[in-house]
Amino acid sequence: MLAVAGDLDFASADQLRLHGRELVDSALSPQGPDRVAQAVPVVVLDASQIAFVDSAGLGALVTLLKRTLAHRAGFSIAGASEPLRARLSTTGLDMVVALHSTVDEAVCAATGDPAPAARRCPVAGDTPGPRAGA
């Protein structure tokens, strides 16, 4: 998981590109510890603390996406605010990047793991519906 906080803009986009690339390459290299344990690895970007994103920030996200795909891995974003979701939608990135409400949801979706007892993976259609006979 990669967490980003604050403004993702022209001033910080290069840092995300540089450090994100290092983290992705390190985590997804063939000798990486998770590479053997997980058939299709996924990089989850925790965007819950991103306050603002501009076009340079979106470019940095695309760079991370491409780098992750080069490793034959998946890429998802967790906790994106409504303004960030709107930007991703406007650019069409929401069509190629899985968006999840929380990091736990993203991890569960990526691993298919039923989750440790401490947390429960959300399931589509998991909201309570009308009771039978009601």
N, C-alpha and C. Protein backbone atom coordinates (compact mmCIF):
# COMPACT_ATOMS: atom_id res chain seq x y z
N MET A 1 0.84 -1.17 0.00
CA MET A 1 0.00 0.00 0.00
C MET A 1 0.89 1.24 0.00
N LEU A 2 0.44 2.23 -0.73
CA LEU A 2 1.14 3.50 -0.84
C LEU A 2 0.18 4.58 -0.39
N ALA A 3 0.53 5.34 0.63
CA ALA A 3 -0.34 6.40 1.15
C ALA A 3 0.18 7.76 0.68
N VAL A 4 -0.74 8.60 0.25
CA VAL A 4 -0.41 9.95 -0.20
C VAL A 4 -1.26 10.92 0.61
N ALA A 5 -0.64 12.00 1.08
CA ALA A 5 -1.37 12.99 1.88
C ALA A 5 -1.06 14.40 1.39
N GLY A 6 -2.01 15.29 1.59
CA GLY A 6 -1.83 16.69 1.22
C GLY A 6 -2.22 16.95 -0.21
N ASP A 7 -1.59 17.95 -0.81
CA ASP A 7 -1.87 18.31 -2.19
C ASP A 7 -1.02 17.48 -3.14
N LEU A 8 -1.67 16.92 -4.13
CA LEU A 8 -0.96 16.18 -5.19
C LEU A 8 -1.01 17.10 -6.40
N ASP A 9 0.03 17.91 -6.52
CA ASP A 9 0.04 18.95 -7.54
C ASP A 9 1.42 19.07 -8.17
N PHE A 10 1.60 20.15 -8.93
CA PHE A 10 2.85 20.37 -9.63
C PHE A 10 4.06 20.29 -8.70
N ALA A 11 3.91 20.81 -7.49
CA ALA A 11 5.02 20.84 -6.54
C ALA A 11 5.36 19.47 -5.97
N SER A 12 4.40 18.56 -5.91
CA SER A 12 4.65 17.26 -5.27
C SER A 12 4.60 16.07 -6.23
N ALA A 13 4.16 16.28 -7.45
CA ALA A 13 3.97 15.17 -8.39
C ALA A 13 5.28 14.43 -8.68
N ASP A 14 6.38 15.17 -8.82
CA ASP A 14 7.65 14.50 -9.11
C ASP A 14 8.09 13.60 -7.96
N GLN A 15 7.81 14.02 -6.73
CA GLN A 15 8.15 13.18 -5.57
C GLN A 15 7.37 11.87 -5.62
N LEU A 16 6.08 11.96 -5.95
CA LEU A 16 5.27 10.75 -6.04
C LEU A 16 5.78 9.85 -7.17
N ARG A 17 6.12 10.44 -8.30
CA ARG A 17 6.67 9.64 -9.40
C ARG A 17 7.93 8.90 -8.97
N LEU A 18 8.85 9.63 -8.36
CA LEU A 18 10.14 9.05 -7.96
C LEU A 18 9.97 7.99 -6.87
N HIS A 19 9.35 8.37 -5.77
CA HIS A 19 9.21 7.43 -4.65
C HIS A 19 8.23 6.33 -4.97
N GLY A 20 7.18 6.65 -5.71
CA GLY A 20 6.22 5.62 -6.12
C GLY A 20 6.87 4.57 -7.00
N ARG A 21 7.69 5.01 -7.92
CA ARG A 21 8.39 4.06 -8.80
C ARG A 21 9.31 3.14 -8.00
N GLU A 22 10.05 3.73 -7.07
CA GLU A 22 10.94 2.92 -6.23
C GLU A 22 10.15 1.90 -5.42
N LEU A 23 9.05 2.33 -4.83
CA LEU A 23 8.24 1.41 -4.03
C LEU A 23 7.61 0.32 -4.88
N VAL A 24 7.08 0.69 -6.04
CA VAL A 24 6.46 -0.30 -6.93
C VAL A 24 7.50 -1.30 -7.40
N ASP A 25 8.65 -0.80 -7.86
CA ASP A 25 9.70 -1.71 -8.33
C ASP A 25 10.19 -2.63 -7.22
N SER A 26 10.35 -2.09 -6.03
CA SER A 26 10.80 -2.90 -4.90
C SER A 26 9.77 -3.96 -4.51
N ALA A 27 8.53 -3.55 -4.42
CA ALA A 27 7.48 -4.48 -3.98
C ALA A 27 7.15 -5.54 -5.02
N LEU A 28 7.27 -5.19 -6.30
CA LEU A 28 6.83 -6.10 -7.35
C LEU A 28 7.95 -6.80 -8.10
N SER A 29 9.18 -6.62 -7.63
CA SER A 29 10.29 -7.32 -8.28
C SER A 29 10.11 -8.82 -8.09
N PRO A 30 10.62 -9.63 -9.01
CA PRO A 30 10.45 -11.09 -8.90
C PRO A 30 10.94 -11.67 -7.58
N GLN A 31 11.94 -11.06 -6.96
CA GLN A 31 12.43 -11.58 -5.69
C GLN A 31 11.72 -10.95 -4.49
N GLY A 32 10.74 -10.08 -4.72
CA GLY A 32 9.99 -9.45 -3.63
C GLY A 32 9.22 -10.48 -2.83
N PRO A 33 9.07 -10.27 -1.52
CA PRO A 33 8.42 -11.27 -0.65
C PRO A 33 6.96 -11.53 -0.99
N ASP A 34 6.23 -10.52 -1.44
CA ASP A 34 4.81 -10.70 -1.73
C ASP A 34 4.58 -11.30 -3.11
N ARG A 35 5.57 -11.26 -3.96
CA ARG A 35 5.40 -11.71 -5.34
C ARG A 35 5.08 -13.20 -5.40
N VAL A 36 5.67 -13.98 -4.53
CA VAL A 36 5.43 -15.42 -4.52
C VAL A 36 4.08 -15.73 -3.87
N ALA A 37 3.75 -15.01 -2.82
CA ALA A 37 2.55 -15.30 -2.05
C ALA A 37 1.26 -14.91 -2.77
N GLN A 38 1.33 -13.97 -3.69
CA GLN A 38 0.14 -13.45 -4.34
C GLN A 38 0.28 -13.63 -5.85
N ALA A 39 -0.61 -14.38 -6.48
CA ALA A 39 -0.51 -14.66 -7.90
C ALA A 39 -0.59 -13.39 -8.74
N VAL A 40 -1.54 -12.53 -8.46
CA VAL A 40 -1.68 -11.27 -9.18
C VAL A 40 -1.59 -10.14 -8.16
N PRO A 41 -0.40 -9.56 -7.99
CA PRO A 41 -0.25 -8.51 -7.00
C PRO A 41 -1.00 -7.24 -7.40
N VAL A 42 -1.36 -6.46 -6.41
CA VAL A 42 -2.07 -5.21 -6.64
C VAL A 42 -1.45 -4.13 -5.76
N VAL A 43 -1.21 -2.97 -6.35
CA VAL A 43 -0.76 -1.81 -5.61
C VAL A 43 -2.01 -1.02 -5.24
N VAL A 44 -2.15 -0.73 -3.96
CA VAL A 44 -3.29 0.06 -3.47
C VAL A 44 -2.76 1.42 -3.04
N LEU A 45 -3.28 2.47 -3.65
CA LEU A 45 -2.92 3.82 -3.28
C LEU A 45 -4.00 4.35 -2.33
N ASP A 46 -3.61 4.67 -1.11
CA ASP A 46 -4.52 5.24 -0.12
C ASP A 46 -4.60 6.74 -0.39
N ALA A 47 -5.72 7.17 -0.97
CA ALA A 47 -5.91 8.58 -1.33
C ALA A 47 -6.79 9.32 -0.33
N SER A 48 -7.06 8.70 0.81
CA SER A 48 -8.00 9.29 1.77
C SER A 48 -7.51 10.61 2.36
N GLN A 49 -6.22 10.89 2.29
CA GLN A 49 -5.68 12.13 2.85
C GLN A 49 -5.26 13.14 1.78
N ILE A 50 -5.63 12.88 0.52
CA ILE A 50 -5.32 13.83 -0.54
C ILE A 50 -6.32 14.96 -0.47
N ALA A 51 -5.82 16.19 -0.32
CA ALA A 51 -6.68 17.36 -0.20
C ALA A 51 -7.03 17.96 -1.56
N PHE A 52 -6.10 17.90 -2.50
CA PHE A 52 -6.27 18.54 -3.80
C PHE A 52 -5.43 17.79 -4.81
N VAL A 53 -5.91 17.72 -6.04
CA VAL A 53 -5.13 17.12 -7.13
C VAL A 53 -5.30 17.96 -8.39
N ASP A 54 -4.19 18.23 -9.06
CA ASP A 54 -4.26 18.95 -10.33
C ASP A 54 -3.79 18.03 -11.45
N SER A 55 -3.62 18.58 -12.64
CA SER A 55 -3.26 17.74 -13.79
C SER A 55 -1.89 17.08 -13.61
N ALA A 56 -0.96 17.75 -12.96
CA ALA A 56 0.35 17.14 -12.70
C ALA A 56 0.20 15.95 -11.75
N GLY A 57 -0.67 16.09 -10.76
CA GLY A 57 -0.93 14.99 -9.83
C GLY A 57 -1.58 13.82 -10.54
N LEU A 58 -2.53 14.10 -11.43
CA LEU A 58 -3.14 13.03 -12.21
C LEU A 58 -2.10 12.34 -13.09
N GLY A 59 -1.18 13.14 -13.63
CA GLY A 59 -0.10 12.56 -14.43
C GLY A 59 0.77 11.62 -13.61
N ALA A 60 1.03 11.99 -12.36
CA ALA A 60 1.82 11.12 -11.48
C ALA A 60 1.07 9.82 -11.19
N LEU A 61 -0.25 9.89 -11.03
CA LEU A 61 -1.04 8.68 -10.83
C LEU A 61 -0.98 7.78 -12.06
N VAL A 62 -1.04 8.39 -13.24
CA VAL A 62 -0.94 7.61 -14.48
C VAL A 62 0.43 6.95 -14.59
N THR A 63 1.47 7.66 -14.18
CA THR A 63 2.82 7.09 -14.19
C THR A 63 2.88 5.86 -13.28
N LEU A 64 2.29 5.96 -12.08
CA LEU A 64 2.27 4.82 -11.17
C LEU A 64 1.46 3.66 -11.77
N LEU A 65 0.34 3.99 -12.36
CA LEU A 65 -0.49 2.97 -13.00
C LEU A 65 0.32 2.23 -14.07
N LYS A 66 0.97 2.97 -14.95
CA LYS A 66 1.75 2.35 -16.02
C LYS A 66 2.89 1.50 -15.47
N ARG A 67 3.56 2.00 -14.44
CA ARG A 67 4.68 1.25 -13.85
C ARG A 67 4.17 -0.05 -13.24
N THR A 68 3.02 0.03 -12.57
CA THR A 68 2.43 -1.16 -11.96
C THR A 68 2.02 -2.16 -13.03
N LEU A 69 1.41 -1.69 -14.09
CA LEU A 69 1.00 -2.58 -15.19
C LEU A 69 2.21 -3.21 -15.87
N ALA A 70 3.32 -2.48 -15.93
CA ALA A 70 4.55 -3.03 -16.51
C ALA A 70 5.03 -4.25 -15.72
N HIS A 71 4.69 -4.29 -14.43
CA HIS A 71 5.03 -5.43 -13.58
C HIS A 71 3.94 -6.50 -13.62
N ARG A 72 2.97 -6.32 -14.51
CA ARG A 72 1.83 -7.25 -14.62
C ARG A 72 1.07 -7.36 -13.30
N ALA A 73 0.86 -6.21 -12.70
CA ALA A 73 0.14 -6.12 -11.43
C ALA A 73 -1.06 -5.20 -11.61
N GLY A 74 -1.94 -5.24 -10.64
CA GLY A 74 -3.11 -4.37 -10.66
C GLY A 74 -2.85 -3.10 -9.86
N PHE A 75 -3.71 -2.12 -10.08
CA PHE A 75 -3.58 -0.84 -9.40
C PHE A 75 -4.97 -0.39 -8.98
N SER A 76 -5.13 -0.02 -7.73
CA SER A 76 -6.42 0.50 -7.28
C SER A 76 -6.20 1.68 -6.34
N ILE A 77 -7.25 2.48 -6.22
CA ILE A 77 -7.21 3.66 -5.36
C ILE A 77 -8.28 3.49 -4.29
N ALA A 78 -7.90 3.74 -3.05
CA ALA A 78 -8.83 3.62 -1.92
C ALA A 78 -9.03 4.98 -1.27
N GLY A 79 -10.27 5.24 -0.86
CA GLY A 79 -10.57 6.42 -0.07
C GLY A 79 -10.56 7.73 -0.82
N ALA A 80 -10.75 7.69 -2.13
CA ALA A 80 -10.74 8.94 -2.91
C ALA A 80 -11.93 9.81 -2.53
N SER A 81 -11.68 11.10 -2.34
CA SER A 81 -12.74 12.06 -2.04
C SER A 81 -13.61 12.25 -3.28
N GLU A 82 -14.75 12.88 -3.10
CA GLU A 82 -15.63 13.14 -4.25
C GLU A 82 -14.96 14.01 -5.31
N PRO A 83 -14.22 15.08 -4.91
CA PRO A 83 -13.52 15.86 -5.94
C PRO A 83 -12.50 15.04 -6.72
N LEU A 84 -11.78 14.16 -6.03
CA LEU A 84 -10.81 13.31 -6.74
C LEU A 84 -11.53 12.32 -7.64
N ARG A 85 -12.61 11.73 -7.15
CA ARG A 85 -13.39 10.81 -7.99
C ARG A 85 -13.91 11.53 -9.23
N ALA A 86 -14.34 12.78 -9.07
CA ALA A 86 -14.83 13.56 -10.21
C ALA A 86 -13.72 13.79 -11.24
N ARG A 87 -12.52 14.09 -10.76
CA ARG A 87 -11.38 14.27 -11.67
C ARG A 87 -11.05 12.97 -12.40
N LEU A 88 -11.06 11.87 -11.66
CA LEU A 88 -10.77 10.57 -12.27
C LEU A 88 -11.85 10.23 -13.31
N SER A 89 -13.08 10.59 -13.03
CA SER A 89 -14.18 10.34 -13.96
C SER A 89 -14.05 11.21 -15.21
N THR A 90 -13.72 12.47 -15.03
CA THR A 90 -13.58 13.40 -16.14
C THR A 90 -12.50 12.93 -17.11
N THR A 91 -11.44 12.38 -16.58
CA THR A 91 -10.32 11.93 -17.43
C THR A 91 -10.49 10.50 -17.94
N GLY A 92 -11.47 9.79 -17.40
CA GLY A 92 -11.68 8.40 -17.80
C GLY A 92 -10.84 7.41 -17.01
N LEU A 93 -10.05 7.90 -16.07
CA LEU A 93 -9.22 7.00 -15.27
C LEU A 93 -10.05 6.07 -14.39
N ASP A 94 -11.25 6.49 -14.05
CA ASP A 94 -12.10 5.62 -13.24
C ASP A 94 -12.53 4.38 -13.99
N MET A 95 -12.33 4.36 -15.30
CA MET A 95 -12.66 3.20 -16.11
C MET A 95 -11.52 2.17 -16.15
N VAL A 96 -10.31 2.60 -15.76
CA VAL A 96 -9.15 1.68 -15.80
C VAL A 96 -8.55 1.42 -14.43
N VAL A 97 -8.96 2.19 -13.44
CA VAL A 97 -8.45 2.02 -12.08
C VAL A 97 -9.62 1.65 -11.17
N ALA A 98 -9.44 0.59 -10.42
CA ALA A 98 -10.48 0.19 -9.46
C ALA A 98 -10.50 1.20 -8.32
N LEU A 99 -11.69 1.70 -8.00
CA LEU A 99 -11.86 2.64 -6.89
C LEU A 99 -12.59 1.93 -5.76
N HIS A 100 -12.05 2.08 -4.55
CA HIS A 100 -12.65 1.45 -3.37
C HIS A 100 -12.81 2.49 -2.28
N SER A 101 -13.79 2.28 -1.42
CA SER A 101 -14.05 3.23 -0.33
C SER A 101 -12.96 3.22 0.72
N THR A 102 -12.40 2.05 1.01
CA THR A 102 -11.38 1.94 2.05
C THR A 102 -10.23 1.07 1.57
N VAL A 103 -9.12 1.16 2.29
CA VAL A 103 -7.97 0.31 1.98
C VAL A 103 -8.33 -1.15 2.24
N ASP A 104 -9.03 -1.43 3.33
CA ASP A 104 -9.44 -2.81 3.62
C ASP A 104 -10.26 -3.39 2.48
N GLU A 105 -11.19 -2.61 1.96
CA GLU A 105 -12.02 -3.07 0.84
C GLU A 105 -11.15 -3.36 -0.38
N ALA A 106 -10.19 -2.49 -0.65
CA ALA A 106 -9.30 -2.68 -1.80
C ALA A 106 -8.44 -3.93 -1.64
N VAL A 107 -7.92 -4.13 -0.45
CA VAL A 107 -7.08 -5.31 -0.18
C VAL A 107 -7.92 -6.58 -0.31
N CYS A 108 -9.11 -6.57 0.26
CA CYS A 108 -9.99 -7.74 0.16
C CYS A 108 -10.32 -8.05 -1.30
N ALA A 109 -10.61 -7.00 -2.07
CA ALA A 109 -10.93 -7.20 -3.49
C ALA A 109 -9.73 -7.74 -4.25
N ALA A 110 -8.55 -7.28 -3.89
CA ALA A 110 -7.34 -7.70 -4.59
C ALA A 110 -6.94 -9.12 -4.26
N THR A 111 -7.08 -9.49 -3.01
CA THR A 111 -6.59 -10.80 -2.58
C THR A 111 -7.65 -11.87 -2.60
N GLY A 112 -8.92 -11.47 -2.53
CA GLY A 112 -9.98 -12.46 -2.42
C GLY A 112 -9.95 -13.14 -1.06
N ASP A 113 -9.13 -12.59 -0.16
CA ASP A 113 -8.98 -13.14 1.18
C ASP A 113 -10.22 -12.86 2.00
N PRO A 114 -10.74 -13.85 2.71
CA PRO A 114 -11.91 -13.61 3.52
C PRO A 114 -11.65 -12.67 4.69
N ALA A 115 -10.45 -12.25 4.88
CA ALA A 115 -10.05 -11.27 5.88
C ALA A 115 -9.88 -11.87 7.26
N PRO A 116 -8.94 -11.34 8.00
CA PRO A 116 -8.75 -11.79 9.36
C PRO A 116 -10.00 -11.49 10.20
N ALA A 117 -10.10 -12.13 11.32
CA ALA A 117 -11.26 -11.95 12.19
C ALA A 117 -11.44 -10.50 12.63
N ALA A 118 -10.35 -9.75 12.65
CA ALA A 118 -10.43 -8.36 13.10
C ALA A 118 -11.19 -7.46 12.13
N ARG A 119 -11.31 -7.87 10.90
CA ARG A 119 -12.05 -7.06 9.94
C ARG A 119 -12.85 -7.97 9.03
N ARG A 120 -13.82 -7.42 8.39
CA ARG A 120 -14.68 -8.18 7.50
C ARG A 120 -14.69 -7.51 6.16
N CYS A 121 -14.41 -8.26 5.10
CA CYS A 121 -14.41 -7.68 3.76
C CYS A 121 -15.83 -7.35 3.33
N PRO A 122 -16.05 -6.15 2.80
CA PRO A 122 -17.37 -5.82 2.31
C PRO A 122 -17.69 -6.64 1.06
N VAL A 123 -18.93 -6.96 0.90
CA VAL A 123 -19.38 -7.73 -0.25
C VAL A 123 -20.44 -6.92 -0.97
N ALA A 124 -20.38 -6.93 -2.31
CA ALA A 124 -21.39 -6.21 -3.08
C ALA A 124 -22.77 -6.70 -2.69
N GLY A 125 -23.70 -5.81 -2.53
CA GLY A 125 -25.04 -6.18 -2.14
C GLY A 125 -25.15 -6.54 -0.67
N ASP A 126 -24.17 -6.13 0.11
CA ASP A 126 -24.09 -6.49 1.52
C ASP A 126 -24.99 -5.63 2.40
N THR A 127 -25.58 -4.59 1.83
CA THR A 127 -26.43 -3.75 2.65
C THR A 127 -27.73 -4.47 2.94
N PRO A 128 -28.28 -4.27 4.12
CA PRO A 128 -29.51 -4.99 4.46
C PRO A 128 -30.65 -4.58 3.55
N GLY A 129 -31.39 -5.54 3.11
CA GLY A 129 -32.55 -5.29 2.26
C GLY A 129 -33.82 -5.50 3.05
N PRO A 130 -34.95 -5.42 2.37
CA PRO A 130 -36.22 -5.62 3.09
C PRO A 130 -36.31 -7.05 3.57
N ARG A 131 -36.94 -7.22 4.70
CA ARG A 131 -37.11 -8.55 5.27
C ARG A 131 -38.25 -9.27 4.56
N ALA A 132 -38.10 -10.57 4.49
CA ALA A 132 -39.16 -11.37 3.89
C ALA A 132 -40.41 -11.24 4.74
N GLY A 133 -41.52 -11.05 4.08
CA GLY A 133 -42.78 -10.95 4.78
C GLY A 133 -43.05 -9.58 5.38
N ALA A 134 -42.13 -8.65 5.16
CA ALA A 134 -42.32 -7.31 5.73
C ALA A 134 -43.14 -6.44 4.83
